[in-house]
PDB file of all heavy atoms in Angstrom:
ATOM      1  N   TYR A   1       6.976 -10.488   1.260  1.00  0.00           N
ATOM      2  CA  TYR A   1       7.893 -11.202   2.163  1.00  0.00           C
ATOM      3  C   TYR A   1       8.373 -12.468   1.686  1.00  0.00           C
ATOM      4  O   TYR A   1       9.536 -12.879   1.660  1.00  0.00           O
ATOM      5  CB  TYR A   1       7.185 -11.356   3.590  1.00  0.00           C
ATOM      6  CG  TYR A   1       7.972 -11.936   4.596  1.00  0.00           C
ATOM      7  CD1 TYR A   1       9.012 -11.376   5.285  1.00  0.00           C
ATOM      8  CD2 TYR A   1       7.708 -13.319   4.881  1.00  0.00           C
ATOM      9  CE1 TYR A   1       9.671 -11.928   6.209  1.00  0.00           C
ATOM     10  CE2 TYR A   1       8.499 -14.070   5.784  1.00  0.00           C
ATOM     11  CZ  TYR A   1       9.503 -13.303   6.429  1.00  0.00           C
ATOM     12  OH  TYR A   1      10.281 -13.953   7.460  1.00  0.00           O
ATOM     13  N   HIS A   2       7.453 -13.377   1.085  1.00  0.00           N
ATOM     14  CA  HIS A   2       7.750 -14.708   0.672  1.00  0.00           C
ATOM     15  C   HIS A   2       8.414 -14.817  -0.620  1.00  0.00           C
ATOM     16  O   HIS A   2       9.286 -15.712  -0.852  1.00  0.00           O
ATOM     17  CB  HIS A   2       6.368 -15.538   0.571  1.00  0.00           C
ATOM     18  CG  HIS A   2       5.836 -15.901   1.975  1.00  0.00           C
ATOM     19  ND1 HIS A   2       4.853 -15.145   2.512  1.00  0.00           N
ATOM     20  CD2 HIS A   2       6.169 -16.936   2.840  1.00  0.00           C
ATOM     21  CE1 HIS A   2       4.533 -15.698   3.720  1.00  0.00           C
ATOM     22  NE2 HIS A   2       5.279 -16.667   3.932  1.00  0.00           N
ATOM     23  N   PHE A   3       8.236 -13.778  -1.528  1.00  0.00           N
ATOM     24  CA  PHE A   3       8.851 -13.970  -2.863  1.00  0.00           C
ATOM     25  C   PHE A   3       9.912 -12.873  -3.014  1.00  0.00           C
ATOM     26  O   PHE A   3      10.637 -13.030  -4.147  1.00  0.00           O
ATOM     27  CB  PHE A   3       7.645 -13.785  -3.894  1.00  0.00           C
ATOM     28  CG  PHE A   3       6.727 -14.820  -3.927  1.00  0.00           C
ATOM     29  CD1 PHE A   3       5.464 -14.813  -3.376  1.00  0.00           C
ATOM     30  CD2 PHE A   3       7.049 -16.048  -4.505  1.00  0.00           C
ATOM     31  CE1 PHE A   3       4.533 -15.814  -3.252  1.00  0.00           C
ATOM     32  CE2 PHE A   3       6.063 -17.222  -4.429  1.00  0.00           C
ATOM     33  CZ  PHE A   3       4.792 -17.043  -3.891  1.00  0.00           C
ATOM     34  N   VAL A   4      10.128 -11.975  -2.247  1.00  0.00           N
ATOM     35  CA  VAL A   4      11.179 -11.065  -2.469  1.00  0.00           C
ATOM     36  C   VAL A   4      12.185 -10.902  -1.271  1.00  0.00           C
ATOM     37  O   VAL A   4      13.386 -11.132  -1.478  1.00  0.00           O
ATOM     38  CB  VAL A   4      10.590  -9.542  -2.701  1.00  0.00           C
ATOM     39  CG1 VAL A   4      11.632  -8.589  -2.770  1.00  0.00           C
ATOM     40  CG2 VAL A   4       9.696  -9.561  -3.952  1.00  0.00           C
ATOM     41  N   LEU A   5      11.594 -10.704  -0.078  1.00  0.00           N
ATOM     42  CA  LEU A   5      12.578 -10.574   1.049  1.00  0.00           C
ATOM     43  C   LEU A   5      13.279 -11.926   1.413  1.00  0.00           C
ATOM     44  O   LEU A   5      14.517 -11.918   1.787  1.00  0.00           O
ATOM     45  CB  LEU A   5      11.744  -9.918   2.314  1.00  0.00           C
ATOM     46  CG  LEU A   5      11.236  -8.574   2.021  1.00  0.00           C
ATOM     47  CD1 LEU A   5      10.494  -8.079   3.306  1.00  0.00           C
ATOM     48  CD2 LEU A   5      12.256  -7.609   1.758  1.00  0.00           C
ATOM     49  N   VAL A   6      12.490 -12.902   1.619  1.00  0.00           N
ATOM     50  CA  VAL A   6      13.018 -14.186   1.963  1.00  0.00           C
ATOM     51  C   VAL A   6      14.035 -14.706   0.899  1.00  0.00           C
ATOM     52  O   VAL A   6      15.191 -15.084   1.271  1.00  0.00           O
ATOM     53  CB  VAL A   6      12.032 -15.197   2.322  1.00  0.00           C
ATOM     54  CG1 VAL A   6      12.501 -16.686   2.555  1.00  0.00           C
ATOM     55  CG2 VAL A   6      11.139 -14.816   3.454  1.00  0.00           C
ATOM     56  N   PRO A   7      13.798 -14.750  -0.401  1.00  0.00           N
ATOM     57  CA  PRO A   7      14.704 -15.309  -1.273  1.00  0.00           C
ATOM     58  C   PRO A   7      15.972 -14.473  -1.340  1.00  0.00           C
ATOM     59  O   PRO A   7      17.197 -14.930  -1.455  1.00  0.00           O
ATOM     60  CB  PRO A   7      14.108 -15.175  -2.661  1.00  0.00           C
ATOM     61  CG  PRO A   7      12.592 -15.349  -2.311  1.00  0.00           C
ATOM     62  CD  PRO A   7      12.400 -14.538  -0.982  1.00  0.00           C
ATOM     63  N   LEU A   8      15.905 -13.089  -1.147  1.00  0.00           N
ATOM     64  CA  LEU A   8      17.086 -12.244  -1.093  1.00  0.00           C
ATOM     65  C   LEU A   8      17.673 -12.036   0.261  1.00  0.00           C
ATOM     66  O   LEU A   8      18.648 -11.297   0.406  1.00  0.00           O
ATOM     67  CB  LEU A   8      16.683 -10.806  -1.629  1.00  0.00           C
ATOM     68  CG  LEU A   8      16.153 -10.683  -3.048  1.00  0.00           C
ATOM     69  CD1 LEU A   8      15.688  -9.262  -3.281  1.00  0.00           C
ATOM     70  CD2 LEU A   8      17.264 -11.232  -4.058  1.00  0.00           C
ATOM     71  N   LYS A   9      17.143 -12.870   1.239  1.00  0.00           N
ATOM     72  CA  LYS A   9      17.733 -12.824   2.703  1.00  0.00           C
ATOM     73  C   LYS A   9      17.690 -11.356   3.194  1.00  0.00           C
ATOM     74  O   LYS A   9      18.651 -10.940   3.780  1.00  0.00           O
ATOM     75  CB  LYS A   9      19.156 -13.374   2.608  1.00  0.00           C
ATOM     76  CG  LYS A   9      19.264 -14.815   2.336  1.00  0.00           C
ATOM     77  CD  LYS A   9      20.657 -15.382   2.388  1.00  0.00           C
ATOM     78  CE  LYS A   9      20.660 -16.869   1.946  1.00  0.00           C
ATOM     79  NZ  LYS A   9      21.922 -17.455   1.917  1.00  0.00           N
ATOM     80  N   LEU A  10      16.606 -10.705   2.893  1.00  0.00           N
ATOM     81  CA  LEU A  10      16.459  -9.313   3.475  1.00  0.00           C
ATOM     82  C   LEU A  10      15.217  -9.332   4.343  1.00  0.00           C
ATOM     83  O   LEU A  10      14.681  -8.186   4.552  1.00  0.00           O
ATOM     84  CB  LEU A  10      16.176  -8.241   2.288  1.00  0.00           C
ATOM     85  CG  LEU A  10      17.313  -8.231   1.287  1.00  0.00           C
ATOM     86  CD1 LEU A  10      16.985  -7.378   0.098  1.00  0.00           C
ATOM     87  CD2 LEU A  10      18.596  -7.647   1.977  1.00  0.00           C
ATOM     88  N   SER A  11      14.877 -10.359   5.046  1.00  0.00           N
ATOM     89  CA  SER A  11      13.729 -10.356   5.971  1.00  0.00           C
ATOM     90  C   SER A  11      13.847  -9.410   7.170  1.00  0.00           C
ATOM     91  O   SER A  11      12.834  -9.021   7.771  1.00  0.00           O
ATOM     92  CB  SER A  11      13.592 -11.804   6.392  1.00  0.00           C
ATOM     93  OG  SER A  11      14.665 -12.240   7.051  1.00  0.00           O
ATOM     94  N   TYR A  12      15.103  -9.037   7.539  1.00  0.00           N
ATOM     95  CA  TYR A  12      15.257  -8.110   8.619  1.00  0.00           C
ATOM     96  C   TYR A  12      14.720  -6.700   8.253  1.00  0.00           C
ATOM     97  O   TYR A  12      14.601  -5.799   9.132  1.00  0.00           O
ATOM     98  CB  TYR A  12      16.758  -8.051   9.078  1.00  0.00           C
ATOM     99  CG  TYR A  12      17.681  -7.587   7.941  1.00  0.00           C
ATOM    100  CD1 TYR A  12      17.941  -6.261   7.775  1.00  0.00           C
ATOM    101  CD2 TYR A  12      18.293  -8.562   7.021  1.00  0.00           C
ATOM    102  CE1 TYR A  12      18.891  -5.940   6.728  1.00  0.00           C
ATOM    103  CE2 TYR A  12      19.093  -8.180   6.067  1.00  0.00           C
ATOM    104  CZ  TYR A  12      19.361  -6.793   5.868  1.00  0.00           C
ATOM    105  OH  TYR A  12      20.275  -6.472   4.876  1.00  0.00           O
ATOM    106  N   LEU A  13      14.494  -6.456   6.934  1.00  0.00           N
ATOM    107  CA  LEU A  13      13.931  -5.157   6.552  1.00  0.00           C
ATOM    108  C   LEU A  13      12.482  -5.125   6.408  1.00  0.00           C
ATOM    109  O   LEU A  13      11.895  -4.258   5.787  1.00  0.00           O
ATOM    110  CB  LEU A  13      14.557  -4.830   5.082  1.00  0.00           C
ATOM    111  CG  LEU A  13      16.019  -4.482   5.114  1.00  0.00           C
ATOM    112  CD1 LEU A  13      16.463  -4.213   3.774  1.00  0.00           C
ATOM    113  CD2 LEU A  13      16.388  -3.291   6.015  1.00  0.00           C
ATOM    114  N   ASN A  14      11.785  -6.229   6.978  1.00  0.00           N
ATOM    115  CA  ASN A  14      10.388  -6.412   6.810  1.00  0.00           C
ATOM    116  C   ASN A  14       9.473  -5.204   7.291  1.00  0.00           C
ATOM    117  O   ASN A  14       8.545  -4.783   6.716  1.00  0.00           O
ATOM    118  CB  ASN A  14       9.901  -7.688   7.311  1.00  0.00           C
ATOM    119  CG  ASN A  14      10.010  -7.832   8.762  1.00  0.00           C
ATOM    120  OD1 ASN A  14      10.683  -6.932   9.474  1.00  0.00           O
ATOM    121  ND2 ASN A  14       9.737  -8.968   9.332  1.00  0.00           N
ATOM    122  N   THR A  15       9.992  -4.600   8.497  1.00  0.00           N
ATOM    123  CA  THR A  15       9.202  -3.554   9.177  1.00  0.00           C
ATOM    124  C   THR A  15       9.149  -2.277   8.160  1.00  0.00           C
ATOM    125  O   THR A  15       8.214  -1.674   7.931  1.00  0.00           O
ATOM    126  CB  THR A  15       9.652  -3.158  10.483  1.00  0.00           C
ATOM    127  OG1 THR A  15       9.677  -4.300  11.402  1.00  0.00           O
ATOM    128  CG2 THR A  15       9.019  -2.017  11.179  1.00  0.00           C
ATOM    129  N   ILE A  16      10.493  -1.887   7.837  1.00  0.00           N
ATOM    130  CA  ILE A  16      10.638  -0.775   6.941  1.00  0.00           C
ATOM    131  C   ILE A  16       9.822  -0.820   5.592  1.00  0.00           C
ATOM    132  O   ILE A  16       9.105  -0.034   5.076  1.00  0.00           O
ATOM    133  CB  ILE A  16      12.072  -0.417   6.653  1.00  0.00           C
ATOM    134  CG1 ILE A  16      12.735  -0.073   7.937  1.00  0.00           C
ATOM    135  CG2 ILE A  16      12.164   0.631   5.625  1.00  0.00           C
ATOM    136  CD1 ILE A  16      14.251   0.128   7.795  1.00  0.00           C
ATOM    137  N   VAL A  17       9.921  -2.029   5.035  1.00  0.00           N
ATOM    138  CA  VAL A  17       9.315  -2.386   3.686  1.00  0.00           C
ATOM    139  C   VAL A  17       7.806  -2.387   3.869  1.00  0.00           C
ATOM    140  O   VAL A  17       6.976  -1.867   2.939  1.00  0.00           O
ATOM    141  CB  VAL A  17       9.886  -3.681   3.118  1.00  0.00           C
ATOM    142  CG1 VAL A  17       9.027  -4.087   1.796  1.00  0.00           C
ATOM    143  CG2 VAL A  17      11.235  -3.618   2.742  1.00  0.00           C
ATOM    144  N   PHE A  18       7.262  -2.821   4.979  1.00  0.00           N
ATOM    145  CA  PHE A  18       5.766  -3.087   5.088  1.00  0.00           C
ATOM    146  C   PHE A  18       5.245  -1.651   5.413  1.00  0.00           C
ATOM    147  O   PHE A  18       4.139  -1.332   4.891  1.00  0.00           O
ATOM    148  CB  PHE A  18       5.537  -3.859   6.354  1.00  0.00           C
ATOM    149  CG  PHE A  18       5.833  -5.370   6.170  1.00  0.00           C
ATOM    150  CD1 PHE A  18       6.143  -5.856   4.948  1.00  0.00           C
ATOM    151  CD2 PHE A  18       5.515  -6.270   7.209  1.00  0.00           C
ATOM    152  CE1 PHE A  18       6.273  -7.226   4.651  1.00  0.00           C
ATOM    153  CE2 PHE A  18       5.693  -7.635   6.907  1.00  0.00           C
ATOM    154  CZ  PHE A  18       6.041  -8.067   5.683  1.00  0.00           C
ATOM    155  N   ILE A  19       6.093  -0.752   6.130  1.00  0.00           N
ATOM    156  CA  ILE A  19       5.461   0.737   6.323  1.00  0.00           C
ATOM    157  C   ILE A  19       5.398   1.412   4.958  1.00  0.00           C
ATOM    158  O   ILE A  19       4.477   1.960   4.638  1.00  0.00           O
ATOM    159  CB  ILE A  19       6.499   1.416   7.186  1.00  0.00           C
ATOM    160  CG1 ILE A  19       6.309   0.932   8.592  1.00  0.00           C
ATOM    161  CG2 ILE A  19       6.131   2.926   7.139  1.00  0.00           C
ATOM    162  CD1 ILE A  19       7.336   1.483   9.643  1.00  0.00           C
ATOM    163  N   LEU A  20       6.353   1.260   4.068  1.00  0.00           N
ATOM    164  CA  LEU A  20       6.349   1.881   2.739  1.00  0.00           C
ATOM    165  C   LEU A  20       5.259   1.306   1.994  1.00  0.00           C
ATOM    166  O   LEU A  20       4.694   1.925   1.143  1.00  0.00           O
ATOM    167  CB  LEU A  20       7.884   1.667   2.010  1.00  0.00           C
ATOM    168  CG  LEU A  20       8.995   2.359   2.744  1.00  0.00           C
ATOM    169  CD1 LEU A  20      10.224   2.023   2.080  1.00  0.00           C
ATOM    170  CD2 LEU A  20       8.676   3.992   2.785  1.00  0.00           C
ATOM    171  N   VAL A  21       5.160  -0.101   2.019  1.00  0.00           N
ATOM    172  CA  VAL A  21       4.124  -0.679   1.114  1.00  0.00           C
ATOM    173  C   VAL A  21       2.725  -0.137   1.649  1.00  0.00           C
ATOM    174  O   VAL A  21       1.780   0.033   0.753  1.00  0.00           O
ATOM    175  CB  VAL A  21       4.214  -2.237   1.309  1.00  0.00           C
ATOM    176  CG1 VAL A  21       2.897  -2.946   0.646  1.00  0.00           C
ATOM    177  CG2 VAL A  21       5.406  -2.758   0.535  1.00  0.00           C
ATOM    178  N   ILE A  22       2.451  -0.176   2.818  1.00  0.00           N
ATOM    179  CA  ILE A  22       1.076   0.225   3.411  1.00  0.00           C
ATOM    180  C   ILE A  22       0.813   1.693   3.041  1.00  0.00           C
ATOM    181  O   ILE A  22      -0.278   2.014   2.547  1.00  0.00           O
ATOM    182  CB  ILE A  22       1.009   0.095   4.847  1.00  0.00           C
ATOM    183  CG1 ILE A  22       0.975  -1.431   5.178  1.00  0.00           C
ATOM    184  CG2 ILE A  22      -0.285   0.652   5.387  1.00  0.00           C
ATOM    185  CD1 ILE A  22       1.128  -1.740   6.634  1.00  0.00           C
ATOM    186  N   ALA A  23       1.901   2.680   3.229  1.00  0.00           N
ATOM    187  CA  ALA A  23       1.599   4.007   2.795  1.00  0.00           C
ATOM    188  C   ALA A  23       1.440   4.129   1.358  1.00  0.00           C
ATOM    189  O   ALA A  23       0.527   4.848   0.939  1.00  0.00           O
ATOM    190  CB  ALA A  23       2.883   4.838   3.358  1.00  0.00           C
ATOM    191  N   ALA A  24       2.177   3.422   0.551  1.00  0.00           N
ATOM    192  CA  ALA A  24       1.974   3.537  -1.009  1.00  0.00           C
ATOM    193  C   ALA A  24       0.698   2.820  -1.320  1.00  0.00           C
ATOM    194  O   ALA A  24      -0.038   3.456  -2.194  1.00  0.00           O
ATOM    195  CB  ALA A  24       3.084   2.729  -1.644  1.00  0.00           C
ATOM    196  N   LEU A  25       0.277   1.890  -0.651  1.00  0.00           N
ATOM    197  CA  LEU A  25      -0.960   1.141  -1.047  1.00  0.00           C
ATOM    198  C   LEU A  25      -2.180   2.074  -0.703  1.00  0.00           C
ATOM    199  O   LEU A  25      -3.107   2.181  -1.540  1.00  0.00           O
ATOM    200  CB  LEU A  25      -1.131  -0.084  -0.229  1.00  0.00           C
ATOM    201  CG  LEU A  25      -2.452  -0.948  -0.450  1.00  0.00           C
ATOM    202  CD1 LEU A  25      -2.565  -1.401  -1.832  1.00  0.00           C
ATOM    203  CD2 LEU A  25      -2.443  -2.128   0.463  1.00  0.00           C
ATOM    204  N   VAL A  26      -2.117   2.731   0.468  1.00  0.00           N
ATOM    205  CA  VAL A  26      -3.258   3.757   0.833  1.00  0.00           C
ATOM    206  C   VAL A  26      -3.174   4.803  -0.135  1.00  0.00           C
ATOM    207  O   VAL A  26      -4.393   5.278  -0.652  1.00  0.00           O
ATOM    208  CB  VAL A  26      -3.025   4.249   2.255  1.00  0.00           C
ATOM    209  CG1 VAL A  26      -4.028   5.398   2.571  1.00  0.00           C
ATOM    210  CG2 VAL A  26      -3.179   3.107   3.163  1.00  0.00           C
ATOM    211  N   GLN A  27      -2.083   5.273  -0.579  1.00  0.00           N
ATOM    212  CA  GLN A  27      -2.221   6.502  -1.594  1.00  0.00           C
ATOM    213  C   GLN A  27      -2.584   5.949  -2.872  1.00  0.00           C
ATOM    214  O   GLN A  27      -3.386   6.689  -3.563  1.00  0.00           O
ATOM    215  CB  GLN A  27      -0.755   7.043  -1.696  1.00  0.00           C
ATOM    216  CG  GLN A  27      -0.269   7.764  -0.590  1.00  0.00           C
ATOM    217  CD  GLN A  27      -1.059   8.921  -0.150  1.00  0.00           C
ATOM    218  OE1 GLN A  27      -1.364   9.730  -1.095  1.00  0.00           O
ATOM    219  NE2 GLN A  27      -1.355   9.208   1.140  1.00  0.00           N
ATOM    220  N   PHE A  28      -2.294   4.815  -3.337  1.00  0.00           N
ATOM    221  CA  PHE A  28      -2.761   4.243  -4.612  1.00  0.00           C
ATOM    222  C   PHE A  28      -4.191   4.031  -4.643  1.00  0.00           C
ATOM    223  O   PHE A  28      -4.953   4.372  -5.483  1.00  0.00           O
ATOM    224  CB  PHE A  28      -2.083   2.905  -4.943  1.00  0.00           C
ATOM    225  CG  PHE A  28      -2.484   2.266  -6.146  1.00  0.00           C
ATOM    226  CD1 PHE A  28      -2.163   2.674  -7.462  1.00  0.00           C
ATOM    227  CD2 PHE A  28      -3.479   1.028  -5.928  1.00  0.00           C
ATOM    228  CE1 PHE A  28      -2.665   1.988  -8.511  1.00  0.00           C
ATOM    229  CE2 PHE A  28      -3.828   0.416  -7.127  1.00  0.00           C
ATOM    230  CZ  PHE A  28      -3.654   0.887  -8.302  1.00  0.00           C
ATOM    231  N   VAL A  29      -4.829   3.439  -3.539  1.00  0.00           N
ATOM    232  CA  VAL A  29      -6.211   3.180  -3.396  1.00  0.00           C
ATOM    233  C   VAL A  29      -6.937   4.472  -3.414  1.00  0.00           C
ATOM    234  O   VAL A  29      -8.026   4.570  -4.020  1.00  0.00           O
ATOM    235  CB  VAL A  29      -6.518   2.454  -2.117  1.00  0.00           C
ATOM    236  CG1 VAL A  29      -7.963   2.241  -1.789  1.00  0.00           C
ATOM    237  CG2 VAL A  29      -5.918   1.014  -2.280  1.00  0.00           C
ATOM    238  N   GLU A  30      -6.256   5.567  -2.643  1.00  0.00           N
ATOM    239  CA  GLU A  30      -7.078   6.806  -2.618  1.00  0.00           C
ATOM    240  C   GLU A  30      -7.255   7.329  -4.059  1.00  0.00           C
ATOM    241  O   GLU A  30      -8.210   7.976  -4.512  1.00  0.00           O
ATOM    242  CB  GLU A  30      -6.275   7.734  -1.777  1.00  0.00           C
ATOM    243  CG  GLU A  30      -6.905   9.127  -1.475  1.00  0.00           C
ATOM    244  CD  GLU A  30      -6.136  10.025  -0.556  1.00  0.00           C
ATOM    245  OE1 GLU A  30      -5.107   9.533  -0.005  1.00  0.00           O
ATOM    246  OE2 GLU A  30      -6.642  11.147  -0.351  1.00  0.00           O
ATOM    247  N   MET A  31      -6.102   7.435  -4.747  1.00  0.00           N
ATOM    248  CA  MET A  31      -6.034   7.986  -6.131  1.00  0.00           C
ATOM    249  C   MET A  31      -6.965   7.151  -7.156  1.00  0.00           C
ATOM    250  O   MET A  31      -7.722   7.687  -7.990  1.00  0.00           O
ATOM    251  CB  MET A  31      -4.636   7.987  -6.691  1.00  0.00           C
ATOM    252  CG  MET A  31      -3.712   8.967  -6.061  1.00  0.00           C
ATOM    253  SD  MET A  31      -2.068   9.109  -6.847  1.00  0.00           S
ATOM    254  CE  MET A  31      -1.479   7.549  -6.594  1.00  0.00           C
ATOM    255  N   PHE A  32      -6.974   5.876  -6.942  1.00  0.00           N
ATOM    256  CA  PHE A  32      -7.732   4.932  -7.814  1.00  0.00           C
ATOM    257  C   PHE A  32      -9.360   5.221  -7.544  1.00  0.00           C
ATOM    258  O   PHE A  32     -10.030   5.371  -8.521  1.00  0.00           O
ATOM    259  CB  PHE A  32      -7.452   3.438  -7.465  1.00  0.00           C
ATOM    260  CG  PHE A  32      -8.363   2.509  -8.244  1.00  0.00           C
ATOM    261  CD1 PHE A  32      -8.096   2.187  -9.538  1.00  0.00           C
ATOM    262  CD2 PHE A  32      -9.458   1.924  -7.651  1.00  0.00           C
ATOM    263  CE1 PHE A  32      -8.941   1.350 -10.220  1.00  0.00           C
ATOM    264  CE2 PHE A  32     -10.297   0.992  -8.316  1.00  0.00           C
ATOM    265  CZ  PHE A  32      -9.974   0.765  -9.634  1.00  0.00           C
ATOM    266  N   LEU A  33      -9.693   5.266  -6.256  1.00  0.00           N
ATOM    267  CA  LEU A  33     -11.113   5.560  -5.952  1.00  0.00           C
ATOM    268  C   LEU A  33     -11.529   6.978  -6.396  1.00  0.00           C
ATOM    269  O   LEU A  33     -12.626   7.288  -6.857  1.00  0.00           O
ATOM    270  CB  LEU A  33     -11.354   5.449  -4.546  1.00  0.00           C
ATOM    271  CG  LEU A  33     -11.391   3.946  -3.839  1.00  0.00           C
ATOM    272  CD1 LEU A  33     -11.463   4.061  -2.406  1.00  0.00           C
ATOM    273  CD2 LEU A  33     -12.318   2.998  -4.565  1.00  0.00           C
ATOM    274  N   LYS A  34     -10.578   7.935  -6.367  1.00  0.00           N
ATOM    275  CA  LYS A  34     -10.857   9.310  -6.644  1.00  0.00           C
ATOM    276  C   LYS A  34     -11.096   9.474  -8.174  1.00  0.00           C
ATOM    277  O   LYS A  34     -12.106  10.255  -8.620  1.00  0.00           O
ATOM    278  CB  LYS A  34      -9.742  10.190  -6.313  1.00  0.00           C
ATOM    279  CG  LYS A  34     -10.078  11.745  -6.399  1.00  0.00           C
ATOM    280  CD  LYS A  34      -8.957  12.605  -5.927  1.00  0.00           C
ATOM    281  CE  LYS A  34      -9.219  14.109  -6.052  1.00  0.00           C
ATOM    282  NZ  LYS A  34      -8.178  14.921  -5.613  1.00  0.00           N
ATOM    283  N   LYS A  35     -10.467   8.601  -8.935  1.00  0.00           N
ATOM    284  CA  LYS A  35     -10.508   8.648 -10.392  1.00  0.00           C
ATOM    285  C   LYS A  35     -11.708   7.789 -10.920  1.00  0.00           C
ATOM    286  O   LYS A  35     -12.509   8.189 -11.912  1.00  0.00           O
ATOM    287  CB  LYS A  35      -9.338   8.133 -11.093  1.00  0.00           C
ATOM    288  CG  LYS A  35      -8.203   9.101 -10.903  1.00  0.00           C
ATOM    289  CD  LYS A  35      -8.279  10.421 -11.736  1.00  0.00           C
ATOM    290  CE  LYS A  35      -7.151  11.353 -11.621  1.00  0.00           C
ATOM    291  NZ  LYS A  35      -7.281  12.511 -12.359  1.00  0.00           N
ATOM    292  N   THR A  36     -11.920   6.580 -10.342  1.00  0.00           N
ATOM    293  CA  THR A  36     -12.882   5.615 -10.846  1.00  0.00           C
ATOM    294  C   THR A  36     -14.193   5.670 -10.101  1.00  0.00           C
ATOM    295  O   THR A  36     -15.329   5.517 -10.742  1.00  0.00           O
ATOM    296  CB  THR A  36     -12.305   4.277 -10.773  1.00  0.00           C
ATOM    297  OG1 THR A  36     -11.959   3.909  -9.470  1.00  0.00           O
ATOM    298  CG2 THR A  36     -11.172   4.189 -11.680  1.00  0.00           C
ATOM    299  N   ILE A  37     -14.272   5.828  -8.847  1.00  0.00           N
ATOM    300  CA  ILE A  37     -15.496   5.802  -7.986  1.00  0.00           C
ATOM    301  C   ILE A  37     -15.434   6.895  -7.123  1.00  0.00           C
ATOM    302  O   ILE A  37     -15.140   6.855  -5.898  1.00  0.00           O
ATOM    303  CB  ILE A  37     -15.588   4.407  -7.218  1.00  0.00           C
ATOM    304  CG1 ILE A  37     -15.175   3.167  -8.080  1.00  0.00           C
ATOM    305  CG2 ILE A  37     -16.883   4.260  -6.672  1.00  0.00           C
ATOM    306  CD1 ILE A  37     -15.212   1.920  -7.208  1.00  0.00           C
ATOM    307  N   PRO A  38     -15.721   8.041  -7.617  1.00  0.00           N
ATOM    308  CA  PRO A  38     -15.753   9.264  -6.729  1.00  0.00           C
ATOM    309  C   PRO A  38     -16.811   9.296  -5.654  1.00  0.00           C
ATOM    310  O   PRO A  38     -16.612  10.013  -4.565  1.00  0.00           O
ATOM    311  CB  PRO A  38     -15.992  10.405  -7.739  1.00  0.00           C
ATOM    312  CG  PRO A  38     -16.628   9.796  -8.873  1.00  0.00           C
ATOM    313  CD  PRO A  38     -15.890   8.411  -9.040  1.00  0.00           C
ATOM    314  N   SER A  39     -17.879   8.611  -5.750  1.00  0.00           N
ATOM    315  CA  SER A  39     -18.877   8.708  -4.694  1.00  0.00           C
ATOM    316  C   SER A  39     -18.373   7.792  -3.446  1.00  0.00           C
ATOM    317  O   SER A  39     -18.548   8.334  -2.414  1.00  0.00           O
ATOM    318  CB  SER A  39     -20.140   7.974  -5.199  1.00  0.00           C
ATOM    319  OG  SER A  39     -19.842   6.622  -5.705  1.00  0.00           O
ATOM    320  N   LEU A  40     -17.713   6.741  -3.770  1.00  0.00           N
ATOM    321  CA  LEU A  40     -17.038   5.931  -2.662  1.00  0.00           C
ATOM    322  C   LEU A  40     -15.899   6.624  -2.031  1.00  0.00           C
ATOM    323  O   LEU A  40     -15.856   6.732  -0.819  1.00  0.00           O
ATOM    324  CB  LEU A  40     -16.556   4.466  -3.187  1.00  0.00           C
ATOM    325  CG  LEU A  40     -15.947   3.679  -2.135  1.00  0.00           C
ATOM    326  CD1 LEU A  40     -16.918   3.476  -1.024  1.00  0.00           C
ATOM    327  CD2 LEU A  40     -15.453   2.440  -2.789  1.00  0.00           C
ATOM    328  N   TYR A  41     -15.161   7.432  -2.850  1.00  0.00           N
ATOM    329  CA  TYR A  41     -14.017   8.196  -2.282  1.00  0.00           C
ATOM    330  C   TYR A  41     -14.504   9.276  -1.344  1.00  0.00           C
ATOM    331  O   TYR A  41     -13.907   9.648  -0.240  1.00  0.00           O
ATOM    332  CB  TYR A  41     -13.222   8.835  -3.513  1.00  0.00           C
ATOM    333  CG  TYR A  41     -12.236   9.742  -3.074  1.00  0.00           C
ATOM    334  CD1 TYR A  41     -10.955   9.373  -2.490  1.00  0.00           C
ATOM    335  CD2 TYR A  41     -12.484  11.203  -3.242  1.00  0.00           C
ATOM    336  CE1 TYR A  41      -9.988  10.433  -2.205  1.00  0.00           C
ATOM    337  CE2 TYR A  41     -11.497  12.156  -2.745  1.00  0.00           C
ATOM    338  CZ  TYR A  41     -10.291  11.753  -2.355  1.00  0.00           C
ATOM    339  OH  TYR A  41      -9.344  12.598  -1.868  1.00  0.00           O
ATOM    340  N   GLU A  42     -15.654   9.951  -1.771  1.00  0.00           N
ATOM    341  CA  GLU A  42     -16.167  11.014  -0.952  1.00  0.00           C
ATOM    342  C   GLU A  42     -16.851  10.493   0.252  1.00  0.00           C
ATOM    343  O   GLU A  42     -16.850  11.140   1.361  1.00  0.00           O
ATOM    344  CB  GLU A  42     -17.248  11.913  -1.754  1.00  0.00           C
ATOM    345  CG  GLU A  42     -16.691  12.668  -2.918  1.00  0.00           C
ATOM    346  CD  GLU A  42     -17.668  13.382  -3.672  1.00  0.00           C
ATOM    347  OE1 GLU A  42     -18.890  13.321  -3.282  1.00  0.00           O
ATOM    348  OE2 GLU A  42     -17.307  14.243  -4.655  1.00  0.00           O
ATOM    349  N   ALA A  43     -17.363   9.235   0.265  1.00  0.00           N
ATOM    350  CA  ALA A  43     -18.099   8.649   1.377  1.00  0.00           C
ATOM    351  C   ALA A  43     -17.008   8.173   2.445  1.00  0.00           C
ATOM    352  O   ALA A  43     -17.259   8.389   3.718  1.00  0.00           O
ATOM    353  CB  ALA A  43     -18.783   7.398   0.945  1.00  0.00           C
ATOM    354  N   LEU A  44     -15.782   7.857   1.983  1.00  0.00           N
ATOM    355  CA  LEU A  44     -14.798   7.497   2.979  1.00  0.00           C
ATOM    356  C   LEU A  44     -14.072   8.785   3.571  1.00  0.00           C
ATOM    357  O   LEU A  44     -13.813   8.794   4.730  1.00  0.00           O
ATOM    358  CB  LEU A  44     -13.690   6.536   2.303  1.00  0.00           C
ATOM    359  CG  LEU A  44     -14.135   5.186   1.803  1.00  0.00           C
ATOM    360  CD1 LEU A  44     -12.966   4.548   1.165  1.00  0.00           C
ATOM    361  CD2 LEU A  44     -14.490   4.352   3.103  1.00  0.00           C
ATOM    362  N   GLY A  45     -13.993   9.807   2.722  1.00  0.00           N
ATOM    363  CA  GLY A  45     -13.573  11.112   3.065  1.00  0.00           C
ATOM    364  C   GLY A  45     -12.064  10.933   3.726  1.00  0.00           C
ATOM    365  O   GLY A  45     -11.181  10.338   3.208  1.00  0.00           O
ATOM    366  N   VAL A  46     -11.883  11.552   4.889  1.00  0.00           N
ATOM    367  CA  VAL A  46     -10.627  11.673   5.552  1.00  0.00           C
ATOM    368  C   VAL A  46     -10.208  10.470   6.116  1.00  0.00           C
ATOM    369  O   VAL A  46      -8.987  10.198   6.510  1.00  0.00           O
ATOM    370  CB  VAL A  46     -10.671  12.796   6.579  1.00  0.00           C
ATOM    371  CG1 VAL A  46     -11.546  12.353   7.807  1.00  0.00           C
ATOM    372  CG2 VAL A  46      -9.262  13.253   7.014  1.00  0.00           C
TER     373      VAL A  46
END
């Protein structure tokens, strides 16, 4: 928000961008834990 959306004057897109960022972040964290720390990945489960 502070370094991309505000300088480009796209702050009105913050809701859409945040949804995409959170979804991508969760998927990235899931893949990262599955590859590197499978025990923690299985503990978190669904």
